[in-house]
Protein backbone atom coordinates (compact mmCIF):
# COMPACT_ATOMS: atom_id res chain seq x y z
CA MET A 1 -38.41 67.34 -22.24
CA GLU A 2 -39.17 68.71 -25.67
CA TRP A 3 -36.34 67.69 -27.99
CA GLY A 4 -37.36 65.22 -30.66
CA LEU A 5 -38.28 61.74 -29.56
CA LEU A 6 -37.22 62.46 -26.00
CA GLY A 7 -40.11 64.81 -25.49
CA GLY A 8 -42.52 62.39 -23.83
CA GLU A 9 -43.78 61.11 -27.16
CA ARG A 10 -47.41 60.20 -27.50
CA LEU A 11 -47.79 57.35 -29.98
CA GLY A 12 -51.40 56.37 -30.48
CA GLY A 13 -53.15 54.31 -27.84
CA THR A 14 -50.38 54.19 -25.25
CA ARG A 15 -48.30 57.04 -23.96
CA ARG A 16 -44.83 55.76 -24.77
CA VAL A 17 -41.76 57.51 -23.42
CA ARG A 18 -38.28 56.42 -24.43
CA THR A 19 -35.75 58.68 -22.77
CA LEU A 20 -33.17 55.87 -22.72
CA GLY A 21 -31.85 57.21 -19.43
CA LEU A 22 -30.85 60.55 -20.94
CA GLY A 23 -33.66 62.76 -19.68
CA ALA A 24 -31.32 65.12 -17.82
CA ILE A 25 -29.16 65.80 -20.87
CA VAL A 26 -32.26 66.46 -22.97
CA ARG A 27 -33.43 69.05 -20.46
CA PHE A 28 -29.95 70.56 -20.48
CA PHE A 29 -29.90 71.05 -24.25
CA ASN A 30 -33.41 72.50 -24.31
CA GLU A 31 -32.48 74.93 -21.56
CA ARG A 32 -29.39 75.96 -23.49
CA ALA A 33 -31.50 76.68 -26.57
CA VAL A 34 -34.16 78.89 -24.93
CA PRO A 35 -33.81 78.96 -21.13
CA GLY A 36 -37.01 78.58 -19.17
CA LEU A 37 -39.49 78.55 -22.05
CA GLY A 38 -40.76 75.04 -21.31
CA GLY A 39 -43.57 73.97 -23.63
CA VAL A 40 -45.10 77.41 -24.23
CA TRP A 41 -45.84 78.30 -27.85
CA PHE A 42 -48.63 80.91 -27.71
CA GLY A 43 -49.52 83.70 -25.33
CA ARG A 44 -52.93 82.66 -24.07
CA GLN A 45 -51.53 79.30 -23.01
CA VAL A 46 -49.73 81.33 -20.30
CA ILE A 47 -52.78 83.48 -19.55
CA LEU A 48 -55.11 80.54 -18.88
CA ALA A 49 -52.65 78.84 -16.52
CA LEU A 50 -51.98 82.10 -14.71
CA LEU A 51 -55.70 82.82 -14.43
CA GLY A 52 -56.26 79.42 -12.84
CA ILE A 53 -53.54 80.07 -10.25
CA HIS A 54 -55.01 83.49 -9.48
CA LEU A 55 -58.50 82.04 -9.14
CA ALA A 56 -57.29 79.29 -6.81
CA GLY A 57 -55.44 81.79 -4.63
CA THR A 58 -58.49 84.05 -4.41
CA LEU A 59 -60.75 81.19 -3.36
CA ARG A 60 -58.25 79.94 -0.77
CA ARG A 61 -58.20 83.36 0.82
CA GLU A 62 -61.99 83.08 1.04
CA GLY A 63 -61.64 79.69 2.72
CA ARG A 64 -62.71 77.53 -0.24
CA GLY A 65 -59.41 76.56 -1.73
CA PRO A 66 -59.02 74.38 -4.77
CA ALA A 67 -55.47 73.49 -5.71
CA ASN A 68 -53.79 75.46 -8.48
CA ILE A 69 -53.79 72.45 -10.79
CA ALA A 70 -57.52 71.83 -10.39
CA ALA A 71 -58.39 75.47 -10.98
CA ALA A 72 -56.05 75.89 -13.97
CA ASN A 73 -57.36 72.69 -15.58
CA ALA A 74 -60.95 73.85 -15.11
CA VAL A 75 -60.31 77.33 -16.52
CA GLU A 76 -58.49 75.91 -19.54
CA ALA A 77 -61.19 73.32 -20.21
CA LEU A 78 -63.91 75.96 -19.95
CA ALA A 79 -62.03 78.32 -22.28
CA VAL A 80 -61.60 75.64 -24.94
CA TRP A 81 -65.19 74.39 -24.62
CA LEU A 82 -66.70 77.90 -24.81
CA THR A 83 -64.55 78.79 -27.82
CA LEU A 84 -65.38 75.62 -29.71
CA SER A 85 -69.08 76.03 -28.92
CA ARG A 86 -69.20 79.65 -30.04
CA ASN A 87 -67.17 79.21 -33.20
CA GLY A 88 -68.91 76.09 -34.49
CA TRP A 89 -66.38 73.47 -33.44
CA PRO A 90 -63.40 74.37 -35.65
CA ARG A 91 -60.20 72.38 -35.58
CA ASP A 92 -57.33 74.39 -34.08
CA ALA A 93 -54.09 73.29 -32.44
CA ARG A 94 -54.77 75.78 -29.63
CA LEU A 95 -58.06 74.04 -28.85
CA PRO A 96 -57.10 70.55 -27.66
CA GLY A 97 -59.64 67.91 -26.77
CA TYR A 98 -61.83 68.46 -29.83
CA LEU A 99 -63.02 64.84 -29.96
CA LYS A 100 -63.73 64.54 -26.26
CA LEU A 101 -65.35 67.93 -25.76
CA GLN A 102 -67.61 67.35 -28.73
CA GLN A 103 -69.45 64.83 -26.57
CA HIS A 104 -70.66 67.80 -24.54
CA ALA A 105 -71.66 69.96 -27.53
CA GLY A 106 -75.02 71.58 -26.97
CA GLY A 107 -75.20 70.38 -23.37
CA GLU A 108 -75.44 72.28 -20.12
CA ASP A 109 -72.58 74.43 -18.93
CA PRO A 110 -70.02 72.36 -17.04
CA THR A 111 -69.61 72.93 -13.34
CA PHE A 112 -66.22 73.97 -12.05
CA ARG A 113 -65.58 70.49 -10.67
CA HIS A 114 -66.65 68.73 -13.85
CA ALA A 115 -64.66 71.04 -16.13
CA GLY A 116 -61.47 70.18 -14.27
CA SER A 117 -61.98 66.42 -14.51
CA ARG A 118 -60.55 63.97 -17.00
CA ALA A 119 -64.09 62.89 -17.76
CA PHE A 120 -64.65 66.29 -19.39
CA TYR A 121 -61.28 67.37 -20.81
CA VAL A 122 -57.87 66.01 -21.85
CA SER A 123 -55.59 64.35 -19.32
CA GLN A 124 -52.57 66.35 -20.56
CA PRO A 125 -53.73 69.99 -20.60
CA MET A 126 -51.78 72.90 -22.07
CA ARG A 127 -51.08 74.05 -18.52
CA ILE A 128 -48.36 71.41 -18.21
CA GLY A 129 -46.20 73.23 -20.74
CA THR A 130 -46.22 76.43 -18.66
CA ARG A 131 -44.69 75.02 -15.48
CA ASP A 132 -41.17 76.26 -16.19
CA ALA A 133 -42.15 79.41 -18.06
CA LEU A 134 -44.36 80.99 -15.39
CA PRO A 135 -41.55 81.44 -12.81
CA MET A 136 -39.01 82.33 -15.51
CA LEU A 137 -41.29 85.11 -16.73
CA GLY A 138 -41.70 86.39 -13.19
CA LEU A 139 -45.46 85.88 -13.37
CA VAL A 140 -45.51 83.66 -10.29
CA SER A 141 -43.41 83.27 -7.18
CA ALA A 142 -42.51 79.68 -6.44
CA SER A 143 -40.97 77.85 -3.50
CA SER A 144 -40.50 74.76 -5.70
CA ARG A 145 -41.20 73.49 -9.23
CA ARG A 146 -44.58 72.20 -8.03
CA PHE A 147 -47.40 73.96 -9.87
CA ASN A 148 -49.51 73.94 -6.71
CA SER A 149 -46.88 76.04 -4.93
CA TYR A 150 -47.16 78.96 -7.39
CA ALA A 151 -48.55 82.35 -6.37
CA VAL A 152 -49.28 85.19 -8.80
CA THR A 153 -46.87 88.14 -8.63
CA GLU A 154 -47.56 91.81 -9.34
CA ARG A 155 -46.34 91.31 -12.89
CA GLY A 156 -48.71 88.37 -13.24
CA LEU A 157 -51.62 90.44 -11.98
CA ALA A 158 -50.75 93.21 -14.42
CA LEU A 159 -50.79 90.71 -17.27
CA LEU A 160 -54.19 89.37 -16.21
CA GLU A 161 -55.56 92.88 -15.91
CA ALA A 162 -54.34 93.64 -19.43
CA THR A 163 -55.83 90.44 -20.85
CA CYS A 164 -58.95 89.39 -18.96
CA PRO A 165 -60.11 92.15 -16.57
CA ARG A 166 -63.82 91.32 -16.80
CA ALA A 167 -63.81 87.53 -16.80
CA ARG A 168 -62.30 87.06 -13.34
CA THR A 169 -65.34 87.94 -11.25
CA PRO A 170 -67.83 85.62 -13.04
CA LEU A 171 -65.21 82.87 -13.02
CA ARG A 172 -64.77 83.22 -9.27
CA LEU A 173 -68.53 82.87 -8.81
CA TRP A 174 -68.54 79.84 -11.13
CA ALA A 175 -65.69 78.22 -9.21
CA GLY A 176 -67.59 78.79 -5.98
CA GLY A 177 -70.52 76.72 -7.23
CA GLY A 178 -72.44 79.35 -9.17
CA SER A 179 -73.52 79.39 -12.79
CA LEU A 180 -71.95 81.11 -15.74
CA PRO A 181 -73.79 84.25 -16.90
CA VAL A 182 -76.17 83.86 -19.81
CA ARG A 183 -74.54 86.77 -21.60
CA ARG A 184 -70.95 85.66 -21.88
CA LYS A 185 -69.46 87.24 -24.99
CA VAL A 186 -66.95 89.19 -22.92
CA ILE A 187 -65.91 86.06 -21.02
CA VAL A 188 -65.43 84.04 -24.20
CA ASP A 189 -63.51 86.86 -25.85
CA GLU A 190 -61.13 87.15 -22.92
CA LEU A 191 -60.60 83.41 -22.57
CA ASP A 192 -60.50 82.40 -26.25
CA PRO A 193 -57.11 80.68 -26.75
CA THR A 194 -57.09 81.52 -30.47
CA ARG A 195 -57.24 85.30 -30.01
CA PRO A 196 -54.07 87.42 -30.13
CA LEU A 197 -53.06 89.21 -26.96
CA PRO A 198 -53.91 92.90 -26.48
CA ASP A 199 -51.06 95.34 -27.07
CA ARG A 200 -50.45 96.03 -23.37
CA ALA A 201 -50.32 92.31 -22.61
CA ARG A 202 -47.73 91.83 -25.36
CA GLU A 203 -45.60 94.55 -23.85
CA ILE A 204 -45.72 92.93 -20.41
CA LEU A 205 -45.00 89.46 -21.78
CA ARG A 206 -42.07 90.66 -23.88
CA GLU A 207 -40.58 92.56 -20.95
CA ALA A 208 -40.94 89.43 -18.83
CA PHE A 209 -39.34 87.21 -21.48
CA LEU A 210 -36.32 89.51 -21.72
CA SER A 211 -35.80 89.75 -17.97
CA GLY A 212 -33.91 87.60 -15.50
CA PRO A 213 -30.23 86.72 -14.98
CA GLU A 214 -27.98 88.07 -17.74
CA ALA A 215 -26.73 84.73 -19.09
CA GLU A 216 -30.24 83.35 -19.54
CA ARG A 217 -31.64 86.67 -20.70
CA ALA A 218 -28.97 86.94 -23.39
CA ARG A 219 -29.84 83.54 -24.82
CA ARG A 220 -33.55 84.30 -24.84
CA ARG A 221 -32.90 87.66 -26.48
CA GLU A 222 -30.74 86.12 -29.21
CA ALA A 223 -33.15 83.24 -29.80
CA LEU A 224 -36.04 85.69 -30.16
CA ALA A 225 -34.01 87.88 -32.54
CA PHE A 226 -33.22 84.77 -34.58
CA VAL A 227 -36.82 83.67 -35.03
CA GLU A 228 -37.94 87.24 -35.65
CA GLY A 229 -35.27 87.54 -38.33
CA LEU A 230 -36.80 84.57 -40.12
CA ARG A 231 -39.81 86.73 -40.98
CA VAL A 232 -37.73 88.48 -43.68
CA ARG A 233 -36.06 85.30 -44.96
CA PRO A 234 -38.54 83.43 -47.19
CA GLY A 235 -36.47 80.26 -47.06
CA GLY A 236 -35.93 80.38 -43.32
CA HIS A 237 -32.54 79.26 -42.04
CA THR A 238 -31.76 75.57 -42.49
CA ALA A 239 -27.95 75.33 -42.50
CA TRP A 240 -26.16 74.29 -39.32
CA ASP A 241 -22.82 75.28 -40.85
CA THR A 242 -23.85 78.95 -40.92
CA ARG A 243 -24.52 80.66 -37.61
CA PRO A 244 -27.28 83.26 -38.01
CA PRO A 245 -26.16 86.83 -37.26
CA GLU A 246 -28.72 87.15 -34.45
CA ILE A 247 -27.01 84.37 -32.47
CA ARG A 248 -23.93 86.30 -31.41
CA ASP A 249 -22.59 83.74 -28.95
CA PRO A 250 -20.94 80.86 -30.85
CA ALA A 251 -21.44 78.61 -27.81
CA HIS A 252 -25.20 79.14 -28.05
CA TRP A 253 -25.30 77.89 -31.64
CA ALA A 254 -22.92 75.06 -30.78
CA ASP A 255 -25.23 73.92 -27.97
CA MET A 256 -28.22 73.90 -30.31
CA ARG A 257 -26.26 72.03 -32.94
CA ALA A 258 -25.08 69.41 -30.45
CA GLY A 259 -28.63 68.99 -29.16
CA ALA A 260 -29.88 68.43 -32.69
CA ALA A 261 -27.15 65.87 -33.29
CA LEU A 262 -28.19 64.02 -30.14
CA ALA A 263 -31.82 64.13 -31.29
CA GLY A 264 -30.67 62.39 -34.47
CA VAL A 265 -28.96 59.70 -32.42
CA MET A 266 -32.08 59.11 -30.38
CA GLU A 267 -34.29 58.98 -33.46
CA ALA A 268 -32.03 56.30 -34.93
CA ALA A 269 -32.03 54.37 -31.67
CA ALA A 270 -35.67 54.57 -30.68
CA GLY A 271 -37.68 56.75 -33.02
CA GLU A 272 -40.82 55.97 -35.01
CA GLY A 273 -39.79 57.50 -38.31
CA PRO A 274 -40.59 55.84 -41.64
CA GLY A 275 -37.11 54.35 -41.93
CA GLY A 276 -37.40 52.45 -38.67
CA SER A 277 -35.11 52.77 -35.65
CA VAL A 278 -33.24 49.97 -33.92
CA LEU A 279 -35.84 49.48 -31.20
CA GLY A 280 -38.70 50.24 -33.58
CA ARG A 281 -37.58 47.52 -35.98
CA ILE A 282 -37.31 44.98 -33.19
CA GLU A 283 -40.77 45.82 -31.91
CA ALA A 284 -42.28 45.66 -35.41
CA ARG A 285 -40.61 42.34 -36.08
CA MET A 286 -41.94 40.85 -32.86
CA GLY A 287 -45.41 42.20 -33.58
CA ALA A 288 -45.48 40.85 -37.13
CA ALA A 289 -44.45 37.40 -35.90
CA GLY A 290 -46.80 37.46 -32.91
CA LEU A 291 -43.85 37.19 -30.51
CA ARG A 292 -43.79 38.40 -26.92
CA ARG A 293 -40.27 37.11 -26.44
CA LEU A 294 -37.22 37.19 -28.71
CA ALA A 295 -33.82 35.77 -27.83
CA LEU A 296 -31.23 38.53 -27.89
CA GLY A 297 -29.00 36.41 -30.09
CA ASP A 298 -31.77 36.16 -32.71
CA ALA A 299 -32.56 39.87 -32.79
CA VAL A 300 -29.80 41.01 -35.14
CA ASP A 301 -30.97 40.38 -38.70
CA ALA A 302 -29.98 42.16 -41.93
CA PRO A 303 -32.46 45.09 -41.62
CA LEU A 304 -31.35 45.65 -38.04
CA VAL A 305 -27.70 45.76 -39.09
CA ALA A 306 -28.54 48.68 -41.40
CA ALA A 307 -30.36 50.46 -38.56
CA LEU A 308 -27.38 49.91 -36.27
CA GLU A 309 -25.02 51.39 -38.86
CA LEU A 310 -27.20 54.51 -39.10
CA LEU A 311 -27.18 54.79 -35.31
CA ARG A 312 -23.40 54.49 -35.22
CA SER A 313 -22.92 57.14 -37.91
CA ARG A 314 -25.16 59.57 -36.04
CA ALA A 315 -23.41 58.82 -32.77
CA GLN A 316 -20.13 59.68 -34.49
CA ALA A 317 -21.68 62.93 -35.75
CA PHE A 318 -22.61 63.90 -32.19
CA LEU A 319 -19.11 63.16 -30.94
CA ALA A 320 -17.73 65.25 -33.80
CA THR A 321 -19.49 68.32 -32.40
CA GLY A 322 -16.99 68.14 -29.53
CA HIS A 323 -19.56 69.17 -26.98
CA ASP A 324 -17.73 69.63 -23.70
CA PRO A 325 -19.98 70.82 -20.80
CA SER A 326 -20.30 68.16 -18.14
CA PRO A 327 -24.01 67.35 -18.73
CA GLY A 328 -23.05 66.45 -22.30
CA ARG A 329 -20.65 63.78 -21.11
CA ALA A 330 -23.49 61.33 -20.47
CA ALA A 331 -24.52 61.72 -24.10
CA ALA A 332 -20.91 61.30 -25.20
CA ARG A 333 -20.59 58.07 -23.22
CA PHE A 334 -23.83 56.79 -24.74
CA CYS A 335 -22.63 57.63 -28.26
CA THR A 336 -19.23 56.05 -27.60
CA ASP A 337 -21.00 52.86 -26.50
CA CYS A 338 -23.05 52.92 -29.71
CA ILE A 339 -19.86 53.04 -31.77
CA GLU A 340 -17.69 50.58 -29.85
CA ALA A 341 -20.13 47.83 -28.81
CA ASP A 342 -20.77 44.86 -31.07
CA ALA A 343 -24.26 44.49 -32.53
CA GLN A 344 -25.69 42.11 -29.95
CA THR A 345 -24.24 43.99 -26.99
CA LEU A 346 -25.53 47.31 -28.35
CA VAL A 347 -29.04 45.94 -28.89
CA GLY A 348 -29.07 44.57 -25.35
CA ARG A 349 -28.02 47.92 -23.91
CA LEU A 350 -30.68 49.80 -25.86
CA VAL A 351 -33.44 47.42 -24.81
CA ALA A 352 -32.28 47.64 -21.19
CA ARG A 353 -32.43 51.45 -21.41
CA ASP A 354 -35.95 51.23 -22.82
CA GLY A 355 -37.54 49.00 -20.19
CA ARG A 356 -41.10 50.08 -20.98
CA ILE A 357 -41.90 49.14 -24.56
CA LEU A 358 -39.23 46.44 -24.73
CA ARG A 359 -37.52 44.80 -21.74
CA LEU A 360 -34.34 42.77 -21.37
CA ILE A 361 -34.68 39.79 -19.02
CA ASP A 362 -32.29 36.87 -18.78
CA GLY A 363 -30.80 37.45 -22.22
CA ALA A 364 -34.15 37.79 -23.97
CA ILE A 365 -36.15 40.73 -25.31
CA LEU A 366 -39.69 40.78 -23.88
CA ALA A 367 -42.70 42.91 -24.77
CA GLY A 368 -43.23 45.61 -22.16
CA ILE A 369 -46.38 47.33 -20.90
CA ALA A 370 -46.37 49.89 -23.74
CA PHE A 371 -45.64 47.33 -26.47
CA ARG A 372 -47.62 47.89 -29.67
CA GLY A 373 -45.83 45.69 -32.17
CA ARG A 374 -46.19 48.03 -35.12
CA PRO A 375 -45.99 51.72 -36.05
CA PRO A 376 -48.99 53.80 -34.92
CA ARG A 377 -51.89 54.29 -37.32
CA GLU A 378 -54.38 57.15 -37.05
CA SER A 379 -57.25 54.90 -38.09
CA ASP A 380 -56.90 52.44 -35.22
CA PRO A 381 -60.02 52.33 -33.02
CA ASP A 382 -57.87 51.78 -29.93
CA ASP A 383 -55.96 54.95 -30.74
CA ALA A 384 -59.12 57.03 -31.09
CA ALA A 385 -60.08 56.55 -27.45
CA ASP A 386 -56.67 57.71 -26.28
CA ALA A 387 -56.70 60.63 -28.69
CA MET A 388 -59.79 61.87 -26.89
CA GLN A 389 -57.78 61.87 -23.66
CA ASN A 390 -54.48 63.23 -24.96
CA GLU A 391 -55.38 65.36 -27.96
CA LEU A 392 -52.71 68.02 -27.51
CA PRO A 393 -49.88 69.24 -29.74
CA GLU A 394 -46.55 69.12 -27.95
CA GLU A 395 -45.16 71.85 -30.15
CA ALA A 396 -46.30 74.54 -32.53
CA PRO A 397 -47.89 73.22 -35.73
CA GLU A 398 -45.31 72.81 -38.48
CA GLU A 399 -47.09 75.15 -40.85
CA THR A 400 -46.77 78.04 -38.39
CA VAL A 401 -42.97 77.80 -38.22
CA PRO A 402 -40.47 78.83 -40.93
CA PRO A 403 -37.89 76.29 -42.17
CA LEU A 404 -35.20 75.63 -39.55
CA PRO A 405 -32.12 73.40 -39.29
CA GLU A 406 -32.90 69.72 -39.01
CA GLY A 407 -33.38 68.49 -35.45
CA ILE A 408 -33.32 71.92 -33.82
CA SER A 409 -34.90 72.11 -30.37
CA ARG A 410 -38.66 72.33 -30.25
CA ARG A 411 -38.20 75.37 -28.06
CA ILE A 412 -36.90 77.30 -31.06
CA ARG A 413 -39.93 76.19 -33.07
CA ASN A 414 -42.22 77.10 -30.20
CA LEU A 415 -40.56 80.50 -29.81
CA ALA A 416 -41.08 81.17 -33.51
CA ALA A 417 -44.81 80.55 -32.98
CA LEU A 418 -44.85 82.59 -29.75
CA ALA A 419 -43.00 85.56 -31.25
CA PRO A 420 -46.14 87.39 -32.50
CA ASP A 421 -47.41 87.47 -28.90
CA LEU A 422 -44.13 89.06 -27.82
CA ARG A 423 -44.41 91.99 -30.24
CA ALA A 424 -45.61 95.13 -28.54
CA ILE A 425 -47.30 96.40 -31.72
CA PRO A 426 -48.87 93.59 -33.80
CA SER A 427 -48.52 93.80 -37.55
CA ASP A 428 -51.24 93.28 -40.11
CA ALA A 429 -49.55 90.05 -41.09
CA ASP A 430 -50.22 88.68 -37.65
CA GLY A 431 -53.94 88.92 -38.18
CA ALA A 432 -54.39 91.37 -35.32
């Protein structure tokens, strides 16, 4: 889930997820925006995951079989560590785990087993974002959505050959218990997540992105044309009332607009923005007062009334989109409840839907296992330890994406960042 707050948010020291029971509808709207893209936002994110799957399959055929997940995690961790080490430890969104990997700066090369462990690298690797994209792109065959069931296809092999033809043999030896070669410039060059893809790899990846069933292919083609068109619009495209010419299907734009409206509802209900959401205000109030329990009848104070009014207005805005497909009906029911329920009833329903940060038990609001009691702060020492585990952007950095309509799916933002790796002939502006 990638849309707004619903995208498995990571807030400081505790991984806090508030889907409010609407995870399926969030996935639906993201799929309608850019089908199958998942959490991919740059080309080598795909390459590293695919290389891990290929390596695992090769070793299994030799009778030494690590699981795909273990191999992909190890390859990704090695790629990030080698790149940081060679380049002098620069900060880059495509190099997660900076804080944690820095503990190993100047040390011995990691073994295959150690590189794939949480002791060495982040617990939420970039590989996770490729799970849906790899089968959609036709780079793997899959009997299920389980990453360990994936097998590299001919197209996947062609992409690896175009991207990292010389790194695969030394990596196979490394995974089998051997050492990395002393001379490794070629390996680092081919694994470096910050490098643009070679021309042939871009051609293969673009062809893959624009393949598949017609309905899904059409939406991906239009979404790509939209973000590519932003390159010649200095101000981007920020108006929901104007459908961009590249999005030819009005239903496509309507789906994205409805998804953004729902993201606004969820932000008002459970977000961590500066204004404070309904659930965020309750948590902050309990934290400030040192409370672990708050009677539901005492929860509705003047600031919370204002937050509830914002939630109701955004719920009305979602309903005004008139979104009709059946998955959207769950969101419509939720928004209708937000509008029609009285303040205390609405607060109780929201807390019951949360159940992790705040819980509703016997008419009282209790602190849950992910309770913090205040907004996250970057300077907190407790947060620093978790940042070392989970240091990973869930979407493309804001500065890499042109201005877009408020609340638009992260998949559109991610596609805008991915677009340079889908161009067969890179331009000078891409830094190629």
